[in-house]
Structure formats: structure tokens, C-alpha cells
């Protein structure tokens, strides 16, 4: 199935089949797809928590505006972002560049300094909002990965981030939750899965300048 066909197939799943579990090999592909997501500067400020525990998932439902998909799904993905981004984090990133690409430090030095200086000028709120945008990028990418694997998913903003942060003790890990996404397989009686997509015409949503 082409990616376009997969995107036509996907929808924001409203009811999951609780008896179906995503195979380990597909979870590995989801993890790899997440790690390949584009982020600004390539800094990867987003972490992914994957929950496959029905007790925990059930406890999270009241923290998720009582959306049952959180419990029904095979896995729950929680997109979290770093609360601080200091010089050492940036330096570690450039060390990876040098190790993987064998790039000389003199070529990277000015860009590394630019990024460090840029983040030193940002407030903690500025860094959070910047990182949150990266979380949305990664979720979009992961939705496509799931669709390509014929795995259903439901992107959600409707949850209590502070409650999630407390539940998973994310502050101690230097993280804040931003988005959640139950993943699994649609239930046979989810009638919404058969509905046609409602979208603008491409000519109405795309502006072409030649």
C-alpha cells in the first residue's frame, strides 16, 4: 500500500479492539520511526513513553477526559519534551555528529556556538513552546508510520498534562508531557471507521506559485 493510500485509510480511531496487541516487530518499527522524526536543528528534544499496561492505562482514563481509547488501545504513546536545553545537551549532539559523520570540530564550532547562545537567551517557557512544536512534528510523522503499518492511532490533546507529569514523575526526568496517542487496531463495531474523510479540495487548501 502506498503512503497516500495509507493516509486515506487512517482515521482518528474512536474505538479499539481490546483483544488485539501490536506485534513486537511493529513496535520496533514505530520506535525507529519516532527516532527518525525531523526536529529543529536535529536536537531531538522529544521523548516517547510507550505504555502497554492495562492497569496503568485504566488509571489514565480519568486524566484523559475519560476517553476510553486510552485504556482500549494496545499501547499508549506519550510525547514528552525536555524542560531545559543547556549547553551540555547541545555539545552532546555535536559530539554525535562528529562521531557519526567524522566531521571536523572546526567546521562545527561556529554553528554549535550559535545554537548554544540562542538557547541561553530563551526563557524556560520559550524553550517549552519551541520543544512542543517539535512534539507535534513527531506525532505527525508517527501517525504516518502507523498508517503505513496498518496500525490505528488517535492523536489527542485532550488530557491533563500536569496530572500525567505527576503520575509518571516526569519533572524528575526533566520532561513535560505534551500529547498522547493510543495505538492499536480499530474495533469491528466502530462505525466511524467506515465514514468518508471530510477534507477541502486540494485546490482549496494548496496555493501554488509558479
N, C-alpha and C. Protein backbone atom coordinates (compact mmCIF):
# COMPACT_ATOMS: atom_id res chain seq x y z
N UNK A 1 0.84 -1.18 0.00
CA UNK A 1 0.00 0.00 0.00
C UNK A 1 0.88 1.24 0.00
N UNK A 2 0.59 2.19 -0.91
CA UNK A 2 1.37 3.42 -0.94
C UNK A 2 1.07 4.26 0.28
N UNK A 3 1.95 5.22 0.57
CA UNK A 3 1.74 6.08 1.74
C UNK A 3 0.46 6.88 1.60
N UNK A 4 0.17 7.37 0.38
CA UNK A 4 -1.06 8.12 0.18
C UNK A 4 -2.29 7.26 0.47
N UNK A 5 -2.26 6.01 0.02
CA UNK A 5 -3.38 5.11 0.30
C UNK A 5 -3.49 4.84 1.80
N UNK A 6 -2.35 4.73 2.46
CA UNK A 6 -2.36 4.50 3.91
C UNK A 6 -2.96 5.70 4.65
N UNK A 7 -2.66 6.90 4.18
CA UNK A 7 -3.21 8.10 4.80
C UNK A 7 -4.70 8.21 4.56
N UNK A 8 -5.16 7.73 3.42
CA UNK A 8 -6.61 7.70 3.16
C UNK A 8 -7.29 6.69 4.09
N UNK A 9 -6.58 5.61 4.39
CA UNK A 9 -7.12 4.54 5.24
C UNK A 9 -7.22 4.96 6.69
N UNK A 10 -6.26 5.74 7.19
CA UNK A 10 -6.21 6.09 8.61
C UNK A 10 -7.32 7.04 8.99
N UNK A 11 -7.67 7.01 10.26
CA UNK A 11 -8.62 7.96 10.83
C UNK A 11 -8.36 8.01 12.33
N UNK A 12 -8.90 9.02 12.99
CA UNK A 12 -8.71 9.15 14.44
C UNK A 12 -9.61 8.13 15.12
N UNK A 13 -9.04 6.99 15.45
CA UNK A 13 -9.79 5.83 15.91
C UNK A 13 -10.54 6.13 17.21
N UNK A 14 -11.84 5.85 17.19
CA UNK A 14 -12.68 6.15 18.34
C UNK A 14 -12.91 4.95 19.24
N UNK A 15 -12.69 3.74 18.69
CA UNK A 15 -12.87 2.53 19.49
C UNK A 15 -11.89 1.48 19.02
N UNK A 16 -11.09 0.97 19.97
CA UNK A 16 -10.09 -0.03 19.64
C UNK A 16 -10.57 -1.43 20.03
N UNK A 17 -10.06 -2.43 19.34
CA UNK A 17 -10.30 -3.83 19.68
C UNK A 17 -9.34 -4.20 20.82
N UNK A 18 -9.90 -4.41 22.00
CA UNK A 18 -9.05 -4.63 23.19
C UNK A 18 -8.33 -5.98 23.14
N UNK A 19 -8.76 -6.87 22.24
CA UNK A 19 -8.15 -8.20 22.18
C UNK A 19 -6.90 -8.24 21.32
N UNK A 20 -6.64 -7.16 20.58
CA UNK A 20 -5.52 -7.17 19.64
C UNK A 20 -4.34 -6.37 20.19
N UNK A 21 -3.16 -6.94 20.02
CA UNK A 21 -1.92 -6.32 20.52
C UNK A 21 -0.97 -6.11 19.35
N UNK A 22 -0.33 -4.96 19.31
CA UNK A 22 0.65 -4.67 18.26
C UNK A 22 1.85 -5.60 18.41
N UNK A 23 2.24 -6.31 17.35
CA UNK A 23 3.40 -7.22 17.44
C UNK A 23 4.68 -6.47 17.80
N UNK A 24 5.58 -7.17 18.47
CA UNK A 24 6.84 -6.58 18.91
C UNK A 24 7.61 -6.00 17.73
N UNK A 25 7.61 -6.70 16.59
CA UNK A 25 8.38 -6.22 15.45
C UNK A 25 7.83 -4.89 14.92
N UNK A 26 6.53 -4.69 15.03
CA UNK A 26 5.96 -3.42 14.59
C UNK A 26 6.22 -2.31 15.61
N UNK A 27 6.24 -2.67 16.88
CA UNK A 27 6.61 -1.68 17.90
C UNK A 27 8.04 -1.20 17.67
N UNK A 28 8.92 -2.11 17.29
CA UNK A 28 10.30 -1.71 16.99
C UNK A 28 10.35 -0.75 15.81
N UNK A 29 9.49 -0.96 14.81
CA UNK A 29 9.42 -0.05 13.66
C UNK A 29 8.87 1.31 14.08
N UNK A 30 7.89 1.31 14.96
CA UNK A 30 7.34 2.57 15.47
C UNK A 30 8.41 3.34 16.23
N UNK A 31 9.17 2.65 17.05
CA UNK A 31 10.25 3.30 17.81
C UNK A 31 11.31 3.86 16.86
N UNK A 32 11.65 3.08 15.83
CA UNK A 32 12.64 3.55 14.86
C UNK A 32 12.10 4.75 14.09
N UNK A 33 10.82 4.70 13.72
CA UNK A 33 10.20 5.82 13.01
C UNK A 33 10.19 7.08 13.86
N UNK A 34 9.91 6.92 15.14
CA UNK A 34 9.95 8.07 16.05
C UNK A 34 11.35 8.68 16.09
N UNK A 35 12.34 7.82 16.18
CA UNK A 35 13.72 8.30 16.30
C UNK A 35 14.21 8.99 15.03
N UNK A 36 13.55 8.72 13.90
CA UNK A 36 13.92 9.34 12.63
C UNK A 36 13.15 10.62 12.33
N UNK A 37 12.26 11.01 13.24
CA UNK A 37 11.44 12.21 13.00
C UNK A 37 12.30 13.46 12.89
N UNK A 38 11.86 14.37 12.02
CA UNK A 38 12.55 15.65 11.89
C UNK A 38 12.30 16.52 13.12
N UNK A 39 13.35 17.21 13.58
CA UNK A 39 13.21 18.21 14.63
C UNK A 39 14.13 19.38 14.30
N UNK A 40 13.80 20.54 14.81
CA UNK A 40 14.60 21.73 14.56
C UNK A 40 16.04 21.53 15.02
N UNK A 41 16.98 21.87 14.15
CA UNK A 41 18.42 21.70 14.38
C UNK A 41 18.82 20.23 14.49
N UNK A 42 17.85 19.30 14.48
CA UNK A 42 18.15 17.89 14.71
C UNK A 42 18.39 17.57 16.18
N UNK A 43 17.92 18.43 17.09
CA UNK A 43 18.26 18.29 18.51
C UNK A 43 17.43 17.24 19.25
N UNK A 44 16.35 16.79 18.67
CA UNK A 44 15.52 15.74 19.28
C UNK A 44 15.17 16.02 20.74
N UNK A 45 14.43 17.10 21.00
CA UNK A 45 14.05 17.40 22.39
C UNK A 45 12.83 16.61 22.86
N UNK A 46 12.34 15.70 22.02
CA UNK A 46 11.11 14.95 22.33
C UNK A 46 11.46 13.52 22.75
N UNK A 47 10.86 13.07 23.84
CA UNK A 47 10.98 11.68 24.28
C UNK A 47 9.62 11.01 24.15
N UNK A 48 9.63 9.71 23.92
CA UNK A 48 8.39 8.95 23.75
C UNK A 48 8.28 7.91 24.86
N UNK A 49 7.19 7.99 25.61
CA UNK A 49 6.88 6.95 26.60
C UNK A 49 5.87 6.01 25.97
N UNK A 50 6.16 4.73 25.94
CA UNK A 50 5.24 3.72 25.41
C UNK A 50 4.70 2.89 26.57
N UNK A 51 3.40 2.95 26.76
CA UNK A 51 2.75 2.24 27.86
C UNK A 51 1.99 1.04 27.31
N UNK A 52 2.30 -0.13 27.78
CA UNK A 52 1.50 -1.32 27.49
C UNK A 52 1.22 -2.02 28.81
N UNK A 53 0.27 -1.47 29.55
CA UNK A 53 -0.08 -1.97 30.87
C UNK A 53 -1.52 -1.55 31.13
N UNK A 54 -2.44 -2.51 31.11
CA UNK A 54 -3.86 -2.18 31.20
C UNK A 54 -4.23 -1.51 32.52
N UNK A 55 -3.54 -1.85 33.59
CA UNK A 55 -3.83 -1.21 34.87
C UNK A 55 -3.49 0.27 34.80
N UNK A 56 -2.31 0.57 34.28
CA UNK A 56 -1.90 1.97 34.14
C UNK A 56 -2.81 2.70 33.16
N UNK A 57 -3.10 2.06 32.04
CA UNK A 57 -3.95 2.70 31.02
C UNK A 57 -5.33 3.03 31.59
N UNK A 58 -5.88 2.12 32.39
CA UNK A 58 -7.18 2.37 33.01
C UNK A 58 -7.10 3.55 33.97
N UNK A 59 -6.02 3.63 34.72
CA UNK A 59 -5.86 4.73 35.68
C UNK A 59 -5.69 6.08 34.98
N UNK A 60 -5.22 6.03 33.73
CA UNK A 60 -5.00 7.27 32.98
C UNK A 60 -6.27 7.80 32.32
N UNK A 61 -7.31 6.97 32.21
CA UNK A 61 -8.55 7.41 31.55
C UNK A 61 -9.13 8.67 32.20
N UNK A 62 -9.28 8.73 33.55
CA UNK A 62 -9.82 9.95 34.15
C UNK A 62 -8.93 11.17 33.94
N UNK A 63 -7.64 10.95 33.67
CA UNK A 63 -6.71 12.05 33.42
C UNK A 63 -6.72 12.44 31.94
N UNK A 64 -7.55 11.74 31.16
CA UNK A 64 -7.58 11.92 29.71
C UNK A 64 -9.00 12.24 29.23
N UNK A 65 -9.69 13.04 30.03
CA UNK A 65 -11.07 13.45 29.71
C UNK A 65 -11.96 12.24 29.47
N UNK A 66 -11.67 11.16 30.21
CA UNK A 66 -12.45 9.92 30.16
C UNK A 66 -12.56 9.33 28.75
N UNK A 67 -11.55 9.54 27.95
CA UNK A 67 -11.54 8.96 26.60
C UNK A 67 -11.09 7.49 26.70
N UNK A 68 -12.00 6.60 26.36
CA UNK A 68 -11.81 5.17 26.59
C UNK A 68 -10.70 4.57 25.71
N UNK A 69 -10.37 5.25 24.62
CA UNK A 69 -9.32 4.71 23.75
C UNK A 69 -8.01 4.51 24.51
N UNK A 70 -7.78 5.34 25.53
CA UNK A 70 -6.54 5.26 26.30
C UNK A 70 -6.39 3.88 26.93
N UNK A 71 -7.51 3.33 27.40
CA UNK A 71 -7.48 2.00 28.03
C UNK A 71 -7.61 0.90 27.00
N UNK A 72 -8.43 1.12 25.97
CA UNK A 72 -8.71 0.07 24.98
C UNK A 72 -7.50 -0.27 24.12
N UNK A 73 -6.68 0.72 23.82
CA UNK A 73 -5.61 0.56 22.84
C UNK A 73 -4.57 -0.45 23.30
N UNK A 74 -3.89 -1.03 22.33
CA UNK A 74 -2.79 -1.94 22.62
C UNK A 74 -1.69 -1.21 23.39
N UNK A 75 -1.32 -0.03 22.90
CA UNK A 75 -0.26 0.78 23.51
C UNK A 75 -0.70 2.24 23.58
N UNK A 76 -0.19 2.94 24.55
CA UNK A 76 -0.41 4.38 24.64
C UNK A 76 0.94 5.08 24.49
N UNK A 77 1.02 5.96 23.50
CA UNK A 77 2.24 6.75 23.29
C UNK A 77 2.05 8.11 23.96
N UNK A 78 3.04 8.52 24.73
CA UNK A 78 3.02 9.82 25.40
C UNK A 78 4.23 10.61 24.90
N UNK A 79 3.96 11.75 24.27
CA UNK A 79 5.03 12.59 23.73
C UNK A 79 5.42 13.62 24.79
N UNK A 80 6.68 13.60 25.17
CA UNK A 80 7.18 14.49 26.22
C UNK A 80 8.34 15.32 25.69
N UNK A 81 8.54 16.49 26.27
CA UNK A 81 9.64 17.35 25.84
C UNK A 81 10.52 17.72 27.01
N UNK A 82 11.77 18.03 26.69
CA UNK A 82 12.72 18.44 27.71
C UNK A 82 12.32 19.80 28.28
N UNK A 83 12.52 19.97 29.58
CA UNK A 83 12.19 21.25 30.22
C UNK A 83 13.35 22.23 30.18
N UNK A 84 14.54 21.72 29.97
CA UNK A 84 15.71 22.59 29.82
C UNK A 84 16.55 22.09 28.65
N UNK A 85 17.25 23.00 28.03
CA UNK A 85 18.13 22.63 26.94
C UNK A 85 19.41 23.45 27.09
N UNK A 86 20.35 22.90 27.84
CA UNK A 86 21.55 23.65 28.18
C UNK A 86 22.69 23.35 27.21
N UNK A 87 23.83 23.99 27.47
CA UNK A 87 24.98 23.86 26.58
C UNK A 87 25.46 22.41 26.47
N UNK A 88 25.41 21.68 27.57
CA UNK A 88 25.91 20.30 27.54
C UNK A 88 25.07 19.42 26.62
N UNK A 89 23.77 19.68 26.56
CA UNK A 89 22.89 18.92 25.67
C UNK A 89 23.28 19.18 24.21
N UNK A 90 23.52 20.45 23.89
CA UNK A 90 23.92 20.82 22.52
C UNK A 90 25.28 20.23 22.18
N UNK A 91 26.21 20.28 23.12
CA UNK A 91 27.55 19.73 22.90
C UNK A 91 27.46 18.23 22.62
N UNK A 92 26.63 17.52 23.39
CA UNK A 92 26.45 16.08 23.17
C UNK A 92 25.97 15.80 21.75
N UNK A 93 25.04 16.65 21.26
CA UNK A 93 24.53 16.49 19.91
C UNK A 93 25.66 16.63 18.88
N UNK A 94 26.50 17.63 19.06
CA UNK A 94 27.59 17.84 18.10
C UNK A 94 28.66 16.77 18.21
N UNK A 95 28.80 16.19 19.39
CA UNK A 95 29.72 15.06 19.52
C UNK A 95 29.22 13.86 18.71
N UNK A 96 27.90 13.68 18.68
CA UNK A 96 27.33 12.61 17.85
C UNK A 96 27.59 12.88 16.38
N UNK A 97 27.46 14.14 15.97
CA UNK A 97 27.73 14.49 14.58
C UNK A 97 29.17 14.12 14.22
N UNK A 98 30.08 14.49 15.09
CA UNK A 98 31.50 14.20 14.82
C UNK A 98 31.75 12.69 14.77
N UNK A 99 31.11 11.96 15.65
CA UNK A 99 31.31 10.52 15.70
C UNK A 99 30.72 9.82 14.49
N UNK A 100 29.51 10.22 14.10
CA UNK A 100 28.81 9.52 13.01
C UNK A 100 29.28 9.99 11.63
N UNK A 101 29.46 11.29 11.47
CA UNK A 101 29.80 11.84 10.15
C UNK A 101 31.29 12.10 9.98
N UNK A 102 32.05 11.96 11.06
CA UNK A 102 33.50 12.21 11.02
C UNK A 102 33.80 13.65 10.60
N UNK A 103 32.93 14.57 11.03
CA UNK A 103 33.11 15.98 10.70
C UNK A 103 34.11 16.61 11.66
N UNK A 104 34.99 17.42 11.13
CA UNK A 104 36.00 18.07 11.98
C UNK A 104 35.34 19.14 12.86
N UNK A 105 35.87 19.28 14.06
CA UNK A 105 35.28 20.22 15.03
C UNK A 105 35.32 21.66 14.52
N UNK A 106 36.36 22.01 13.78
CA UNK A 106 36.48 23.39 13.31
C UNK A 106 35.35 23.77 12.35
N UNK A 107 34.78 22.77 11.69
CA UNK A 107 33.66 23.03 10.79
C UNK A 107 32.37 23.25 11.57
N UNK A 108 32.25 22.60 12.72
CA UNK A 108 31.02 22.65 13.50
C UNK A 108 31.01 23.74 14.56
N UNK A 109 32.16 24.24 14.93
CA UNK A 109 32.29 25.10 16.11
C UNK A 109 31.37 26.32 16.09
N UNK A 110 31.35 27.04 14.98
CA UNK A 110 30.57 28.27 14.94
C UNK A 110 29.07 27.99 15.03
N UNK A 111 28.61 26.94 14.37
CA UNK A 111 27.19 26.59 14.42
C UNK A 111 26.81 26.13 15.83
N UNK A 112 27.67 25.34 16.45
CA UNK A 112 27.43 24.89 17.83
C UNK A 112 27.30 26.08 18.77
N UNK A 113 28.22 27.03 18.64
CA UNK A 113 28.18 28.23 19.49
C UNK A 113 26.91 29.03 19.25
N UNK A 114 26.50 29.12 17.98
CA UNK A 114 25.28 29.85 17.64
C UNK A 114 24.07 29.24 18.34
N UNK A 115 23.96 27.91 18.30
CA UNK A 115 22.81 27.24 18.92
C UNK A 115 22.84 27.42 20.43
N UNK A 116 24.01 27.24 21.03
CA UNK A 116 24.13 27.41 22.49
C UNK A 116 23.72 28.82 22.90
N UNK A 117 24.23 29.81 22.19
CA UNK A 117 23.89 31.20 22.51
C UNK A 117 22.40 31.48 22.32
N UNK A 118 21.83 30.88 21.29
CA UNK A 118 20.41 31.08 21.01
C UNK A 118 19.54 30.56 22.16
N UNK A 119 19.85 29.38 22.66
CA UNK A 119 19.04 28.80 23.73
C UNK A 119 19.32 29.45 25.08
N UNK A 120 20.51 29.96 25.27
CA UNK A 120 20.81 30.66 26.53
C UNK A 120 19.98 31.92 26.68
N UNK A 121 19.55 32.49 25.56
CA UNK A 121 18.74 33.71 25.58
C UNK A 121 17.25 33.43 25.77
N UNK A 122 16.85 32.17 25.64
CA UNK A 122 15.43 31.82 25.74
C UNK A 122 15.04 31.57 27.19
N UNK A 123 13.81 31.95 27.53
CA UNK A 123 13.26 31.63 28.84
C UNK A 123 12.84 30.17 28.85
N UNK A 124 12.51 29.65 30.03
CA UNK A 124 12.07 28.27 30.12
C UNK A 124 10.77 28.07 29.34
N UNK A 125 9.90 29.09 29.35
CA UNK A 125 8.65 28.99 28.58
C UNK A 125 8.95 28.96 27.08
N UNK A 126 9.91 29.80 26.65
CA UNK A 126 10.28 29.81 25.23
C UNK A 126 10.77 28.44 24.79
N UNK A 127 11.60 27.83 25.62
CA UNK A 127 12.14 26.50 25.29
C UNK A 127 11.03 25.47 25.25
N UNK A 128 10.08 25.55 26.19
CA UNK A 128 8.97 24.61 26.19
C UNK A 128 8.14 24.74 24.92
N UNK A 129 7.78 25.97 24.54
CA UNK A 129 6.94 26.15 23.36
C UNK A 129 7.66 25.73 22.09
N UNK A 130 8.97 25.98 22.04
CA UNK A 130 9.76 25.51 20.90
C UNK A 130 9.75 23.99 20.85
N UNK A 131 9.99 23.37 21.99
CA UNK A 131 10.05 21.90 22.04
C UNK A 131 8.68 21.29 21.75
N UNK A 132 7.61 21.94 22.23
CA UNK A 132 6.26 21.42 21.99
C UNK A 132 5.95 21.35 20.50
N UNK A 133 6.44 22.34 19.75
CA UNK A 133 6.26 22.31 18.29
C UNK A 133 6.93 21.08 17.69
N UNK A 134 8.06 20.71 18.24
CA UNK A 134 8.76 19.52 17.75
C UNK A 134 7.95 18.26 18.07
N UNK A 135 7.23 18.28 19.19
CA UNK A 135 6.39 17.13 19.55
C UNK A 135 5.28 16.94 18.53
N UNK A 136 4.70 18.05 18.06
CA UNK A 136 3.66 17.95 17.04
C UNK A 136 4.23 17.40 15.73
N UNK A 137 5.45 17.83 15.40
CA UNK A 137 6.10 17.28 14.20
C UNK A 137 6.26 15.76 14.32
N UNK A 138 6.72 15.32 15.47
CA UNK A 138 6.97 13.88 15.65
C UNK A 138 5.68 13.09 15.65
N UNK A 139 4.62 13.66 16.25
CA UNK A 139 3.34 12.95 16.23
C UNK A 139 2.84 12.79 14.79
N UNK A 140 2.94 13.86 14.00
CA UNK A 140 2.51 13.78 12.62
C UNK A 140 3.26 12.69 11.87
N UNK A 141 4.56 12.63 12.10
CA UNK A 141 5.38 11.61 11.44
C UNK A 141 4.97 10.22 11.90
N UNK A 142 4.71 10.08 13.19
CA UNK A 142 4.38 8.77 13.73
C UNK A 142 2.99 8.30 13.29
N UNK A 143 2.08 9.24 13.08
CA UNK A 143 0.77 8.88 12.52
C UNK A 143 0.95 8.23 11.14
N UNK A 144 1.86 8.80 10.35
CA UNK A 144 2.11 8.25 9.02
C UNK A 144 2.78 6.88 9.12
N UNK A 145 3.70 6.73 10.06
CA UNK A 145 4.36 5.43 10.26
C UNK A 145 3.33 4.38 10.63
N UNK A 146 2.45 4.72 11.57
CA UNK A 146 1.41 3.77 11.98
C UNK A 146 0.50 3.41 10.82
N UNK A 147 0.09 4.41 10.05
CA UNK A 147 -0.78 4.15 8.90
C UNK A 147 -0.10 3.22 7.91
N UNK A 148 1.17 3.43 7.69
CA UNK A 148 1.93 2.60 6.75
C UNK A 148 1.97 1.15 7.23
N UNK A 149 1.96 0.95 8.55
CA UNK A 149 1.98 -0.39 9.14
C UNK A 149 0.57 -0.96 9.34
N UNK A 150 -0.45 -0.19 8.93
CA UNK A 150 -1.85 -0.56 9.16
C UNK A 150 -2.14 -0.71 10.65
N UNK A 151 -1.59 0.21 11.41
CA UNK A 151 -1.86 0.29 12.84
C UNK A 151 -2.69 1.55 13.07
N UNK A 152 -3.78 1.40 13.79
CA UNK A 152 -4.65 2.54 14.05
C UNK A 152 -4.10 3.39 15.19
N UNK A 153 -4.42 4.67 15.14
CA UNK A 153 -3.95 5.61 16.16
C UNK A 153 -4.95 6.76 16.30
N UNK A 154 -4.92 7.40 17.46
CA UNK A 154 -5.79 8.54 17.69
C UNK A 154 -4.99 9.65 18.37
N UNK A 155 -4.63 10.71 17.64
CA UNK A 155 -3.88 11.81 18.24
C UNK A 155 -4.76 12.59 19.21
N UNK A 156 -4.23 12.89 20.39
CA UNK A 156 -5.03 13.55 21.42
C UNK A 156 -4.28 14.71 22.10
N UNK A 157 -4.96 15.83 22.20
CA UNK A 157 -4.54 16.91 23.10
C UNK A 157 -5.38 16.90 24.37
N UNK A 158 -6.48 16.15 24.33
CA UNK A 158 -7.44 16.15 25.43
C UNK A 158 -7.02 15.29 26.60
N UNK A 159 -6.09 15.80 27.38
CA UNK A 159 -5.66 15.13 28.61
C UNK A 159 -5.08 16.18 29.54
N UNK A 160 -4.82 15.81 30.77
CA UNK A 160 -4.29 16.73 31.78
C UNK A 160 -2.77 16.55 31.86
N UNK A 161 -2.00 17.40 31.19
CA UNK A 161 -0.54 17.22 31.18
C UNK A 161 0.07 17.24 32.58
N UNK A 162 -0.40 18.13 33.44
CA UNK A 162 0.18 18.21 34.78
C UNK A 162 -0.08 16.92 35.55
N UNK A 163 -1.28 16.35 35.37
CA UNK A 163 -1.59 15.09 36.06
C UNK A 163 -0.72 13.95 35.53
N UNK A 164 -0.51 13.92 34.21
CA UNK A 164 0.38 12.92 33.62
C UNK A 164 1.81 13.10 34.13
N UNK A 165 2.24 14.36 34.20
CA UNK A 165 3.61 14.64 34.68
C UNK A 165 3.79 14.11 36.09
N UNK A 166 2.76 14.30 36.92
CA UNK A 166 2.82 13.82 38.30
C UNK A 166 2.79 12.29 38.34
N UNK A 167 1.90 11.70 37.55
CA UNK A 167 1.73 10.24 37.56
C UNK A 167 3.04 9.54 37.19
N UNK A 168 3.73 10.05 36.18
CA UNK A 168 4.96 9.42 35.71
C UNK A 168 6.23 10.07 36.28
N UNK A 169 6.05 11.00 37.22
CA UNK A 169 7.18 11.70 37.84
C UNK A 169 8.12 12.28 36.77
N UNK A 170 7.50 12.95 35.80
CA UNK A 170 8.27 13.45 34.66
C UNK A 170 9.18 14.62 35.03
N UNK A 171 8.78 15.40 36.02
CA UNK A 171 9.63 16.53 36.42
C UNK A 171 11.01 16.06 36.86
N UNK A 172 11.06 14.93 37.53
CA UNK A 172 12.34 14.38 37.98
C UNK A 172 13.19 13.92 36.81
N UNK A 173 12.53 13.65 35.69
CA UNK A 173 13.24 13.23 34.48
C UNK A 173 13.53 14.41 33.56
N UNK A 174 13.17 15.63 33.99
CA UNK A 174 13.39 16.80 33.16
C UNK A 174 12.49 16.87 31.96
N UNK A 175 11.25 16.31 32.10
CA UNK A 175 10.32 16.23 30.97
C UNK A 175 8.96 16.78 31.33
N UNK A 176 8.21 17.18 30.29
CA UNK A 176 6.80 17.55 30.42
C UNK A 176 6.03 16.88 29.30
N UNK A 177 4.85 16.37 29.61
CA UNK A 177 4.02 15.73 28.58
C UNK A 177 3.31 16.79 27.74
N UNK A 178 3.16 16.49 26.46
CA UNK A 178 2.56 17.44 25.51
C UNK A 178 1.37 16.84 24.78
N UNK A 179 1.51 15.59 24.32
CA UNK A 179 0.49 14.93 23.52
C UNK A 179 0.43 13.46 23.89
N UNK A 180 -0.73 12.83 23.62
CA UNK A 180 -0.83 11.39 23.80
C UNK A 180 -1.45 10.78 22.54
N UNK A 181 -1.17 9.49 22.32
CA UNK A 181 -1.68 8.83 21.12
C UNK A 181 -1.87 7.34 21.38
N UNK A 182 -3.12 6.90 21.64
CA UNK A 182 -3.38 5.47 21.73
C UNK A 182 -3.15 4.82 20.37
N UNK A 183 -2.61 3.61 20.38
CA UNK A 183 -2.32 2.88 19.14
C UNK A 183 -2.80 1.44 19.26
N UNK A 184 -3.31 0.91 18.18
CA UNK A 184 -3.77 -0.48 18.19
C UNK A 184 -4.51 -0.79 16.91
N UNK A 185 -5.68 -1.44 17.06
CA UNK A 185 -6.45 -1.84 15.90
C UNK A 185 -7.93 -1.52 16.12
N UNK A 186 -8.54 -0.92 15.12
CA UNK A 186 -9.93 -0.49 15.22
C UNK A 186 -10.87 -1.66 15.53
N UNK A 187 -11.87 -1.37 16.33
CA UNK A 187 -12.90 -2.38 16.63
C UNK A 187 -13.82 -2.54 15.43
N UNK A 188 -14.33 -3.76 15.26
CA UNK A 188 -15.22 -4.04 14.13
C UNK A 188 -16.50 -3.21 14.19
N UNK A 189 -16.93 -2.84 15.41
CA UNK A 189 -18.17 -2.09 15.54
C UNK A 189 -17.95 -0.58 15.67
N UNK A 190 -16.75 -0.11 15.32
CA UNK A 190 -16.53 1.33 15.28
C UNK A 190 -17.05 1.84 13.94
N UNK A 191 -18.28 2.32 13.95
CA UNK A 191 -18.92 2.72 12.70
C UNK A 191 -18.24 3.92 12.05
N UNK A 192 -17.51 4.69 12.85
CA UNK A 192 -16.85 5.87 12.29
C UNK A 192 -15.73 5.49 11.32
N UNK A 193 -15.23 4.28 11.45
CA UNK A 193 -14.13 3.86 10.57
C UNK A 193 -14.58 3.75 9.11
N UNK A 194 -15.88 3.62 8.89
CA UNK A 194 -16.39 3.47 7.53
C UNK A 194 -16.79 4.80 6.88
N UNK A 195 -16.75 5.87 7.65
CA UNK A 195 -17.16 7.16 7.11
C UNK A 195 -16.10 7.72 6.17
N UNK A 196 -16.56 8.43 5.15
CA UNK A 196 -15.65 9.07 4.22
C UNK A 196 -14.94 10.24 4.90
N UNK A 197 -13.70 10.48 4.50
CA UNK A 197 -12.97 11.63 5.03
C UNK A 197 -13.62 12.93 4.56
N UNK A 198 -13.64 13.90 5.44
CA UNK A 198 -14.16 15.23 5.08
C UNK A 198 -12.96 16.17 4.98
N UNK A 199 -12.62 16.54 3.78
CA UNK A 199 -11.48 17.41 3.53
C UNK A 199 -11.86 18.44 2.47
N UNK A 200 -11.18 19.57 2.49
CA UNK A 200 -11.30 20.53 1.41
C UNK A 200 -10.78 19.90 0.12
N UNK A 201 -11.13 20.46 -1.01
CA UNK A 201 -10.48 20.08 -2.25
C UNK A 201 -9.02 20.51 -2.18
N UNK A 202 -8.15 19.74 -2.80
CA UNK A 202 -6.73 20.09 -2.80
C UNK A 202 -6.52 21.51 -3.33
N UNK A 203 -7.29 21.88 -4.34
CA UNK A 203 -7.15 23.22 -4.93
C UNK A 203 -7.52 24.32 -3.96
N UNK A 204 -8.28 23.98 -2.92
CA UNK A 204 -8.70 24.98 -1.92
C UNK A 204 -7.70 25.07 -0.77
N UNK A 205 -6.94 24.02 -0.54
CA UNK A 205 -6.02 24.02 0.60
C UNK A 205 -4.56 24.26 0.21
N UNK A 206 -4.26 24.14 -1.08
CA UNK A 206 -2.89 24.32 -1.55
C UNK A 206 -2.83 25.54 -2.46
N UNK A 207 -1.90 26.43 -2.17
CA UNK A 207 -1.66 27.61 -3.02
C UNK A 207 -0.38 27.38 -3.79
N UNK A 208 -0.48 27.28 -5.07
CA UNK A 208 0.69 27.05 -5.91
C UNK A 208 1.16 28.36 -6.54
N UNK A 209 2.44 28.63 -6.42
CA UNK A 209 3.04 29.84 -7.01
C UNK A 209 4.10 29.37 -7.98
N UNK A 210 3.89 29.65 -9.25
CA UNK A 210 4.82 29.20 -10.30
C UNK A 210 5.67 30.36 -10.83
